[in-house]
Amino acid sequence: MKLVLKKYVYVIVGFLLSTIGYLYCIIRNVNLAEQIDMYFNFIKSSKIDELIFLWLKFFALFIMLNIIVILEKKRNVEKRKIYHSMLYASNHIIRNFLYQSHILKMEAEENITFNKNTINMFEEGKDEAMLLLKKLSSITKIDDKSIYNSIKEEAENKNSTM
């Protein structure tokens, strides 16, 4: 019984309101058709309907703009999630590679005939890679330009020294 009442609560409320309204009109001897006609004549003469439609247009525009902004925010949140997961994965892969290549550096240091400049170049490259990873991790605005600008300085410095 409770489920039926919950399911049809609006139907029951509507039925009760319309019954009360009908009984009120009968008891007070109100001609409802005449009252509705007077109401529409009042709206027509005072141009309220035009104002209502004007406000409805502004309201609809406001709602559409809000929906667009909300969708854009959702898109940016998704873009940020994808960026962070890709960044996490690439950081993991690159750091694993750097740590594994550190083993090669240790082997090269043990070898007396290995060129020490090569070991120094490896250290500089590893430090630069770690610095670039940190810079990429600290990007706040996710787009091509900000990603490029975050590593631009290091890339230009490297190109000028070559």
N, C-alpha and C. Protein backbone atom coordinates (compact mmCIF):
# COMPACT_ATOMS: atom_id res chain seq x y z
N MET A 1 0.83 -1.20 0.00
CA MET A 1 0.00 0.00 0.00
C MET A 1 0.87 1.26 0.00
N LYS A 2 1.93 1.21 0.82
CA LYS A 2 2.83 2.36 0.91
C LYS A 2 3.52 2.64 -0.42
N LEU A 3 3.92 1.55 -1.12
CA LEU A 3 4.57 1.71 -2.43
C LEU A 3 3.62 2.32 -3.44
N VAL A 4 2.34 1.92 -3.41
CA VAL A 4 1.36 2.46 -4.34
C VAL A 4 1.17 3.95 -4.09
N LEU A 5 1.08 4.34 -2.82
CA LEU A 5 0.93 5.75 -2.48
C LEU A 5 2.15 6.55 -2.92
N LYS A 6 3.33 5.98 -2.70
CA LYS A 6 4.56 6.69 -3.08
C LYS A 6 4.65 6.84 -4.59
N LYS A 7 4.22 5.82 -5.31
CA LYS A 7 4.31 5.83 -6.76
C LYS A 7 3.34 6.84 -7.38
N TYR A 8 2.17 6.97 -6.80
CA TYR A 8 1.13 7.83 -7.37
C TYR A 8 0.86 9.07 -6.51
N VAL A 9 1.85 9.53 -5.78
CA VAL A 9 1.65 10.67 -4.88
C VAL A 9 1.23 11.92 -5.64
N TYR A 10 1.83 12.18 -6.81
CA TYR A 10 1.49 13.39 -7.56
C TYR A 10 0.09 13.30 -8.16
N VAL A 11 -0.31 12.12 -8.56
CA VAL A 11 -1.66 11.93 -9.09
C VAL A 11 -2.68 12.17 -7.99
N ILE A 12 -2.42 11.65 -6.81
CA ILE A 12 -3.34 11.82 -5.67
C ILE A 12 -3.43 13.28 -5.26
N VAL A 13 -2.27 13.96 -5.19
CA VAL A 13 -2.27 15.39 -4.83
C VAL A 13 -3.02 16.19 -5.88
N GLY A 14 -2.81 15.90 -7.15
CA GLY A 14 -3.53 16.60 -8.22
C GLY A 14 -5.02 16.37 -8.15
N PHE A 15 -5.41 15.14 -7.88
CA PHE A 15 -6.83 14.82 -7.76
C PHE A 15 -7.46 15.58 -6.59
N LEU A 16 -6.76 15.61 -5.45
CA LEU A 16 -7.30 16.31 -4.28
C LEU A 16 -7.41 17.81 -4.55
N LEU A 17 -6.39 18.42 -5.15
CA LEU A 17 -6.44 19.85 -5.45
C LEU A 17 -7.56 20.19 -6.44
N SER A 18 -7.71 19.38 -7.47
CA SER A 18 -8.76 19.67 -8.44
C SER A 18 -10.15 19.47 -7.83
N THR A 19 -10.30 18.49 -6.95
CA THR A 19 -11.59 18.28 -6.28
C THR A 19 -11.92 19.44 -5.36
N ILE A 20 -10.92 19.89 -4.59
CA ILE A 20 -11.12 21.03 -3.70
C ILE A 20 -11.47 22.28 -4.51
N GLY A 21 -10.78 22.49 -5.63
CA GLY A 21 -11.07 23.63 -6.49
C GLY A 21 -12.47 23.56 -7.08
N TYR A 22 -12.88 22.39 -7.50
CA TYR A 22 -14.22 22.21 -8.06
C TYR A 22 -15.29 22.48 -7.00
N LEU A 23 -15.08 21.95 -5.81
CA LEU A 23 -16.05 22.18 -4.73
C LEU A 23 -16.11 23.66 -4.34
N TYR A 24 -14.96 24.32 -4.34
CA TYR A 24 -14.91 25.76 -4.03
C TYR A 24 -15.72 26.54 -5.07
N CYS A 25 -15.53 26.22 -6.36
CA CYS A 25 -16.26 26.92 -7.42
C CYS A 25 -17.78 26.68 -7.30
N ILE A 26 -18.20 25.50 -6.94
CA ILE A 26 -19.62 25.19 -6.80
C ILE A 26 -20.21 25.94 -5.60
N ILE A 27 -19.51 25.91 -4.47
CA ILE A 27 -20.01 26.55 -3.25
C ILE A 27 -20.08 28.06 -3.41
N ARG A 28 -19.05 28.67 -3.99
CA ARG A 28 -19.00 30.13 -4.13
C ARG A 28 -19.70 30.62 -5.40
N ASN A 29 -20.17 29.69 -6.22
CA ASN A 29 -20.86 30.01 -7.46
C ASN A 29 -19.96 30.85 -8.38
N VAL A 30 -18.74 30.37 -8.59
CA VAL A 30 -17.75 31.04 -9.42
C VAL A 30 -17.81 30.43 -10.82
N ASN A 31 -17.90 31.30 -11.85
CA ASN A 31 -17.86 30.83 -13.23
C ASN A 31 -16.39 30.81 -13.65
N LEU A 32 -15.79 29.63 -13.65
CA LEU A 32 -14.36 29.47 -13.90
C LEU A 32 -13.98 29.88 -15.33
N ALA A 33 -14.81 29.58 -16.31
CA ALA A 33 -14.52 29.95 -17.70
C ALA A 33 -14.46 31.47 -17.84
N GLU A 34 -15.36 32.16 -17.15
CA GLU A 34 -15.38 33.63 -17.20
C GLU A 34 -14.13 34.21 -16.54
N GLN A 35 -13.72 33.62 -15.43
CA GLN A 35 -12.52 34.08 -14.72
C GLN A 35 -11.26 33.88 -15.56
N ILE A 36 -11.19 32.74 -16.23
CA ILE A 36 -10.02 32.47 -17.09
C ILE A 36 -10.00 33.44 -18.27
N ASP A 37 -11.17 33.73 -18.84
CA ASP A 37 -11.27 34.67 -19.95
C ASP A 37 -10.83 36.06 -19.51
N MET A 38 -11.26 36.49 -18.32
CA MET A 38 -10.83 37.79 -17.79
C MET A 38 -9.31 37.82 -17.58
N TYR A 39 -8.76 36.74 -17.10
CA TYR A 39 -7.31 36.65 -16.87
C TYR A 39 -6.55 36.81 -18.19
N PHE A 40 -6.97 36.08 -19.23
CA PHE A 40 -6.28 36.18 -20.52
C PHE A 40 -6.45 37.56 -21.15
N ASN A 41 -7.60 38.20 -20.98
CA ASN A 41 -7.79 39.56 -21.48
C ASN A 41 -6.88 40.54 -20.76
N PHE A 42 -6.70 40.35 -19.45
CA PHE A 42 -5.80 41.20 -18.68
C PHE A 42 -4.36 41.05 -19.16
N ILE A 43 -3.93 39.81 -19.37
CA ILE A 43 -2.56 39.56 -19.85
C ILE A 43 -2.38 40.17 -21.23
N LYS A 44 -3.38 40.03 -22.09
CA LYS A 44 -3.28 40.55 -23.45
C LYS A 44 -3.22 42.08 -23.45
N SER A 45 -4.02 42.72 -22.62
CA SER A 45 -4.04 44.18 -22.60
C SER A 45 -2.81 44.78 -21.94
N SER A 46 -2.24 44.09 -21.00
CA SER A 46 -1.08 44.67 -20.29
C SER A 46 0.26 44.21 -20.87
N LYS A 47 0.24 43.42 -21.92
CA LYS A 47 1.44 42.94 -22.62
C LYS A 47 2.36 42.14 -21.70
N ILE A 48 1.79 41.53 -20.69
CA ILE A 48 2.59 40.71 -19.78
C ILE A 48 3.14 39.49 -20.50
N ASP A 49 2.35 38.97 -21.43
CA ASP A 49 2.79 37.78 -22.14
C ASP A 49 4.09 38.03 -22.92
N GLU A 50 4.21 39.25 -23.49
CA GLU A 50 5.44 39.58 -24.20
C GLU A 50 6.62 39.67 -23.25
N LEU A 51 6.39 40.24 -22.07
CA LEU A 51 7.46 40.32 -21.07
C LEU A 51 7.86 38.93 -20.58
N ILE A 52 6.86 38.09 -20.39
CA ILE A 52 7.16 36.73 -19.93
C ILE A 52 7.99 36.00 -20.97
N PHE A 53 7.60 36.13 -22.24
CA PHE A 53 8.37 35.45 -23.28
C PHE A 53 9.78 36.03 -23.39
N LEU A 54 9.92 37.34 -23.22
CA LEU A 54 11.24 37.95 -23.24
C LEU A 54 12.10 37.39 -22.11
N TRP A 55 11.54 37.33 -20.89
CA TRP A 55 12.29 36.78 -19.76
C TRP A 55 12.57 35.30 -19.94
N LEU A 56 11.64 34.58 -20.54
CA LEU A 56 11.87 33.16 -20.81
C LEU A 56 13.03 32.98 -21.81
N LYS A 57 13.12 33.87 -22.79
CA LYS A 57 14.23 33.80 -23.74
C LYS A 57 15.56 34.04 -23.03
N PHE A 58 15.62 35.06 -22.17
CA PHE A 58 16.85 35.32 -21.42
C PHE A 58 17.19 34.15 -20.50
N PHE A 59 16.17 33.60 -19.86
CA PHE A 59 16.38 32.47 -18.97
C PHE A 59 16.91 31.26 -19.75
N ALA A 60 16.32 31.01 -20.93
CA ALA A 60 16.78 29.88 -21.75
C ALA A 60 18.23 30.10 -22.20
N LEU A 61 18.57 31.34 -22.58
CA LEU A 61 19.94 31.65 -22.97
C LEU A 61 20.89 31.43 -21.79
N PHE A 62 20.48 31.88 -20.61
CA PHE A 62 21.29 31.70 -19.41
C PHE A 62 21.50 30.22 -19.12
N ILE A 63 20.45 29.43 -19.23
CA ILE A 63 20.55 27.99 -18.99
C ILE A 63 21.49 27.34 -20.00
N MET A 64 21.35 27.71 -21.28
CA MET A 64 22.21 27.12 -22.31
C MET A 64 23.67 27.47 -22.07
N LEU A 65 23.94 28.73 -21.70
CA LEU A 65 25.32 29.12 -21.42
C LEU A 65 25.88 28.36 -20.22
N ASN A 66 25.06 28.18 -19.20
CA ASN A 66 25.51 27.41 -18.03
C ASN A 66 25.80 25.96 -18.40
N ILE A 67 24.96 25.39 -19.24
CA ILE A 67 25.19 24.00 -19.66
C ILE A 67 26.50 23.90 -20.44
N ILE A 68 26.74 24.88 -21.31
CA ILE A 68 27.99 24.88 -22.08
C ILE A 68 29.19 24.98 -21.15
N VAL A 69 29.12 25.86 -20.16
CA VAL A 69 30.23 26.02 -19.21
C VAL A 69 30.44 24.74 -18.41
N ILE A 70 29.36 24.12 -17.97
CA ILE A 70 29.47 22.87 -17.21
C ILE A 70 30.10 21.77 -18.06
N LEU A 71 29.67 21.66 -19.32
CA LEU A 71 30.24 20.65 -20.20
C LEU A 71 31.73 20.92 -20.46
N GLU A 72 32.09 22.19 -20.61
CA GLU A 72 33.50 22.54 -20.81
C GLU A 72 34.33 22.19 -19.58
N LYS A 73 33.78 22.45 -18.40
CA LYS A 73 34.50 22.08 -17.17
C LYS A 73 34.67 20.57 -17.07
N LYS A 74 33.63 19.82 -17.42
CA LYS A 74 33.74 18.36 -17.40
C LYS A 74 34.81 17.89 -18.38
N ARG A 75 34.83 18.52 -19.55
CA ARG A 75 35.82 18.14 -20.56
C ARG A 75 37.23 18.43 -20.06
N ASN A 76 37.40 19.57 -19.40
CA ASN A 76 38.72 19.91 -18.86
C ASN A 76 39.13 18.97 -17.74
N VAL A 77 38.18 18.56 -16.92
CA VAL A 77 38.50 17.61 -15.85
C VAL A 77 38.94 16.28 -16.45
N GLU A 78 38.23 15.82 -17.48
CA GLU A 78 38.60 14.58 -18.14
C GLU A 78 39.98 14.71 -18.79
N LYS A 79 40.21 15.86 -19.42
CA LYS A 79 41.49 16.09 -20.07
C LYS A 79 42.62 16.07 -19.04
N ARG A 80 42.37 16.68 -17.88
CA ARG A 80 43.36 16.71 -16.81
C ARG A 80 43.62 15.30 -16.27
N LYS A 81 42.57 14.49 -16.11
CA LYS A 81 42.74 13.11 -15.63
C LYS A 81 43.59 12.30 -16.62
N ILE A 82 43.28 12.44 -17.91
CA ILE A 82 44.02 11.71 -18.93
C ILE A 82 45.48 12.16 -18.93
N TYR A 83 45.69 13.46 -18.84
CA TYR A 83 47.06 14.00 -18.84
C TYR A 83 47.84 13.45 -17.65
N HIS A 84 47.24 13.48 -16.47
CA HIS A 84 47.95 13.01 -15.28
C HIS A 84 48.22 11.50 -15.34
N SER A 85 47.29 10.73 -15.86
CA SER A 85 47.55 9.29 -15.96
C SER A 85 48.64 9.00 -16.99
N MET A 86 48.63 9.73 -18.12
CA MET A 86 49.69 9.56 -19.11
C MET A 86 51.04 10.02 -18.55
N LEU A 87 51.03 11.10 -17.81
CA LEU A 87 52.25 11.60 -17.21
C LEU A 87 52.79 10.61 -16.19
N TYR A 88 51.90 10.05 -15.39
CA TYR A 88 52.33 9.07 -14.39
C TYR A 88 52.95 7.85 -15.07
N ALA A 89 52.30 7.38 -16.13
CA ALA A 89 52.80 6.20 -16.84
C ALA A 89 54.15 6.49 -17.49
N SER A 90 54.26 7.64 -18.15
CA SER A 90 55.53 7.96 -18.81
C SER A 90 56.63 8.20 -17.80
N ASN A 91 56.30 8.85 -16.68
CA ASN A 91 57.30 9.02 -15.62
C ASN A 91 57.79 7.67 -15.11
N HIS A 92 56.87 6.76 -14.91
CA HIS A 92 57.24 5.44 -14.42
C HIS A 92 58.17 4.73 -15.40
N ILE A 93 57.83 4.76 -16.69
CA ILE A 93 58.64 4.09 -17.70
C ILE A 93 60.02 4.73 -17.80
N ILE A 94 60.05 6.05 -17.86
CA ILE A 94 61.34 6.75 -18.04
C ILE A 94 62.22 6.58 -16.81
N ARG A 95 61.63 6.69 -15.63
CA ARG A 95 62.45 6.51 -14.42
C ARG A 95 62.97 5.09 -14.30
N ASN A 96 62.17 4.12 -14.65
CA ASN A 96 62.68 2.75 -14.66
C ASN A 96 63.86 2.61 -15.62
N PHE A 97 63.72 3.21 -16.80
CA PHE A 97 64.82 3.16 -17.76
C PHE A 97 66.07 3.85 -17.20
N LEU A 98 65.88 5.02 -16.58
CA LEU A 98 67.04 5.74 -16.03
C LEU A 98 67.71 4.96 -14.91
N TYR A 99 66.93 4.34 -14.06
CA TYR A 99 67.53 3.57 -12.97
C TYR A 99 68.23 2.32 -13.49
N GLN A 100 67.66 1.69 -14.52
CA GLN A 100 68.32 0.53 -15.10
C GLN A 100 69.59 0.92 -15.85
N SER A 101 69.55 2.10 -16.48
CA SER A 101 70.76 2.54 -17.17
C SER A 101 71.82 3.00 -16.18
N HIS A 102 71.40 3.29 -14.96
CA HIS A 102 72.37 3.64 -13.91
C HIS A 102 73.27 2.44 -13.61
N ILE A 103 72.74 1.24 -13.78
CA ILE A 103 73.55 0.03 -13.60
C ILE A 103 74.66 0.01 -14.65
N LEU A 104 74.35 0.41 -15.87
CA LEU A 104 75.38 0.48 -16.92
C LEU A 104 76.46 1.49 -16.56
N LYS A 105 76.04 2.60 -15.97
CA LYS A 105 77.01 3.63 -15.56
C LYS A 105 77.95 3.07 -14.50
N MET A 106 77.39 2.32 -13.54
CA MET A 106 78.23 1.74 -12.49
C MET A 106 79.22 0.74 -13.07
N GLU A 107 78.78 -0.04 -14.07
CA GLU A 107 79.69 -0.99 -14.75
C GLU A 107 80.78 -0.23 -15.51
N ALA A 108 80.38 0.88 -16.13
CA ALA A 108 81.35 1.67 -16.89
C ALA A 108 82.37 2.31 -15.96
N GLU A 109 81.96 2.72 -14.77
CA GLU A 109 82.90 3.33 -13.82
C GLU A 109 83.91 2.31 -13.32
N GLU A 110 83.50 1.04 -13.24
CA GLU A 110 84.42 0.00 -12.79
C GLU A 110 85.44 -0.35 -13.86
N ASN A 111 85.08 -0.12 -15.12
CA ASN A 111 85.98 -0.42 -16.23
C ASN A 111 86.98 0.72 -16.37
N ILE A 112 88.25 0.42 -16.27
CA ILE A 112 89.30 1.45 -16.29
C ILE A 112 89.44 2.06 -17.68
N THR A 113 89.21 1.30 -18.72
CA THR A 113 89.42 1.80 -20.08
C THR A 113 88.25 2.63 -20.60
N PHE A 114 87.17 2.69 -19.84
CA PHE A 114 85.98 3.43 -20.31
C PHE A 114 86.22 4.93 -20.19
N ASN A 115 85.79 5.71 -21.18
CA ASN A 115 86.01 7.15 -21.23
C ASN A 115 85.17 7.84 -20.14
N LYS A 116 85.83 8.63 -19.29
CA LYS A 116 85.14 9.32 -18.19
C LYS A 116 84.22 10.44 -18.70
N ASN A 117 84.53 11.04 -19.85
CA ASN A 117 83.65 12.07 -20.42
C ASN A 117 82.29 11.48 -20.79
N THR A 118 82.29 10.26 -21.25
CA THR A 118 81.03 9.60 -21.59
C THR A 118 80.18 9.39 -20.34
N ILE A 119 80.82 9.04 -19.24
CA ILE A 119 80.11 8.87 -17.98
C ILE A 119 79.53 10.21 -17.52
N ASN A 120 80.31 11.27 -17.66
CA ASN A 120 79.82 12.61 -17.29
C ASN A 120 78.65 13.04 -18.17
N MET A 121 78.73 12.75 -19.48
CA MET A 121 77.63 13.08 -20.38
C MET A 121 76.37 12.30 -20.00
N PHE A 122 76.55 11.04 -19.60
CA PHE A 122 75.41 10.24 -19.16
C PHE A 122 74.77 10.86 -17.92
N GLU A 123 75.58 11.29 -16.96
CA GLU A 123 75.07 11.91 -15.73
C GLU A 123 74.29 13.19 -16.05
N GLU A 124 74.84 14.02 -16.95
CA GLU A 124 74.15 15.25 -17.34
C GLU A 124 72.82 14.94 -18.03
N GLY A 125 72.82 13.96 -18.89
CA GLY A 125 71.59 13.57 -19.58
C GLY A 125 70.54 13.06 -18.60
N LYS A 126 70.98 12.27 -17.63
CA LYS A 126 70.05 11.74 -16.63
C LYS A 126 69.48 12.87 -15.78
N ASP A 127 70.34 13.80 -15.36
CA ASP A 127 69.86 14.93 -14.56
C ASP A 127 68.89 15.80 -15.35
N GLU A 128 69.20 16.01 -16.64
CA GLU A 128 68.31 16.81 -17.48
C GLU A 128 66.96 16.11 -17.65
N ALA A 129 66.97 14.80 -17.83
CA ALA A 129 65.72 14.05 -17.97
C ALA A 129 64.88 14.15 -16.71
N MET A 130 65.50 14.05 -15.56
CA MET A 130 64.77 14.17 -14.29
C MET A 130 64.20 15.58 -14.13
N LEU A 131 64.97 16.60 -14.51
CA LEU A 131 64.50 17.98 -14.42
C LEU A 131 63.30 18.20 -15.35
N LEU A 132 63.38 17.69 -16.58
CA LEU A 132 62.27 17.84 -17.52
C LEU A 132 61.02 17.11 -17.04
N LEU A 133 61.19 15.94 -16.44
CA LEU A 133 60.04 15.22 -15.89
C LEU A 133 59.38 16.02 -14.78
N LYS A 134 60.18 16.65 -13.93
CA LYS A 134 59.61 17.47 -12.85
C LYS A 134 58.87 18.67 -13.43
N LYS A 135 59.43 19.29 -14.47
CA LYS A 135 58.77 20.44 -15.09
C LYS A 135 57.46 20.03 -15.75
N LEU A 136 57.46 18.89 -16.42
CA LEU A 136 56.22 18.42 -17.05
C LEU A 136 55.16 18.07 -16.00
N SER A 137 55.61 17.62 -14.84
CA SER A 137 54.66 17.25 -13.78
C SER A 137 54.02 18.47 -13.13
N SER A 138 54.63 19.62 -13.27
CA SER A 138 54.12 20.81 -12.60
C SER A 138 53.27 21.72 -13.50
N ILE A 139 52.88 21.25 -14.66
CA ILE A 139 52.06 22.05 -15.58
C ILE A 139 50.66 22.22 -14.99
N THR A 140 50.15 23.46 -15.03
CA THR A 140 48.81 23.72 -14.52
C THR A 140 47.78 23.78 -15.64
N LYS A 141 48.13 24.38 -16.75
CA LYS A 141 47.21 24.48 -17.89
C LYS A 141 47.63 23.44 -18.93
N ILE A 142 46.70 22.57 -19.28
CA ILE A 142 47.03 21.45 -20.16
C ILE A 142 46.67 21.80 -21.60
N ASP A 143 47.69 22.22 -22.35
CA ASP A 143 47.55 22.42 -23.78
C ASP A 143 48.94 22.34 -24.40
N ASP A 144 48.98 22.29 -25.73
CA ASP A 144 50.26 22.11 -26.42
C ASP A 144 51.28 23.19 -26.06
N LYS A 145 50.81 24.43 -26.02
CA LYS A 145 51.71 25.55 -25.80
C LYS A 145 52.36 25.50 -24.41
N SER A 146 51.56 25.24 -23.38
CA SER A 146 52.13 25.23 -22.04
C SER A 146 53.05 24.02 -21.84
N ILE A 147 52.74 22.89 -22.47
CA ILE A 147 53.62 21.72 -22.37
C ILE A 147 54.95 22.03 -23.06
N TYR A 148 54.88 22.62 -24.24
CA TYR A 148 56.11 22.96 -24.95
C TYR A 148 56.91 24.01 -24.17
N ASN A 149 56.21 25.04 -23.66
CA ASN A 149 56.91 26.10 -22.94
C ASN A 149 57.57 25.59 -21.66
N SER A 150 57.04 24.53 -21.06
CA SER A 150 57.64 24.01 -19.83
C SER A 150 59.01 23.40 -20.09
N ILE A 151 59.23 22.85 -21.27
CA ILE A 151 60.53 22.24 -21.57
C ILE A 151 61.33 23.04 -22.60
N LYS A 152 60.76 24.15 -23.05
CA LYS A 152 61.37 24.96 -24.12
C LYS A 152 62.76 25.46 -23.73
N GLU A 153 62.89 25.96 -22.53
CA GLU A 153 64.16 26.54 -22.08
C GLU A 153 65.28 25.50 -22.10
N GLU A 154 65.00 24.33 -21.58
CA GLU A 154 66.00 23.26 -21.56
C GLU A 154 66.34 22.79 -22.97
N ALA A 155 65.32 22.70 -23.84
CA ALA A 155 65.56 22.26 -25.20
C ALA A 155 66.42 23.28 -25.96
N GLU A 156 66.13 24.56 -25.73
CA GLU A 156 66.93 25.60 -26.40
C GLU A 156 68.37 25.63 -25.88
N ASN A 157 68.54 25.44 -24.57
CA ASN A 157 69.89 25.40 -24.00
C ASN A 157 70.67 24.23 -24.57
N LYS A 158 70.03 23.09 -24.72
CA LYS A 158 70.71 21.91 -25.25
C LYS A 158 71.10 22.12 -26.71
N ASN A 159 70.18 22.74 -27.49
CA ASN A 159 70.48 22.99 -28.91
C ASN A 159 71.60 24.02 -29.08
N SER A 160 71.67 25.00 -28.18
CA SER A 160 72.71 26.04 -28.32
C SER A 160 74.08 25.50 -27.96
N THR A 161 74.16 24.49 -27.09
CA THR A 161 75.46 23.95 -26.71
C THR A 161 75.97 22.93 -27.73
N MET A 162 75.10 22.42 -28.60
CA MET A 162 75.55 21.43 -29.58
C MET A 162 76.20 22.07 -30.71
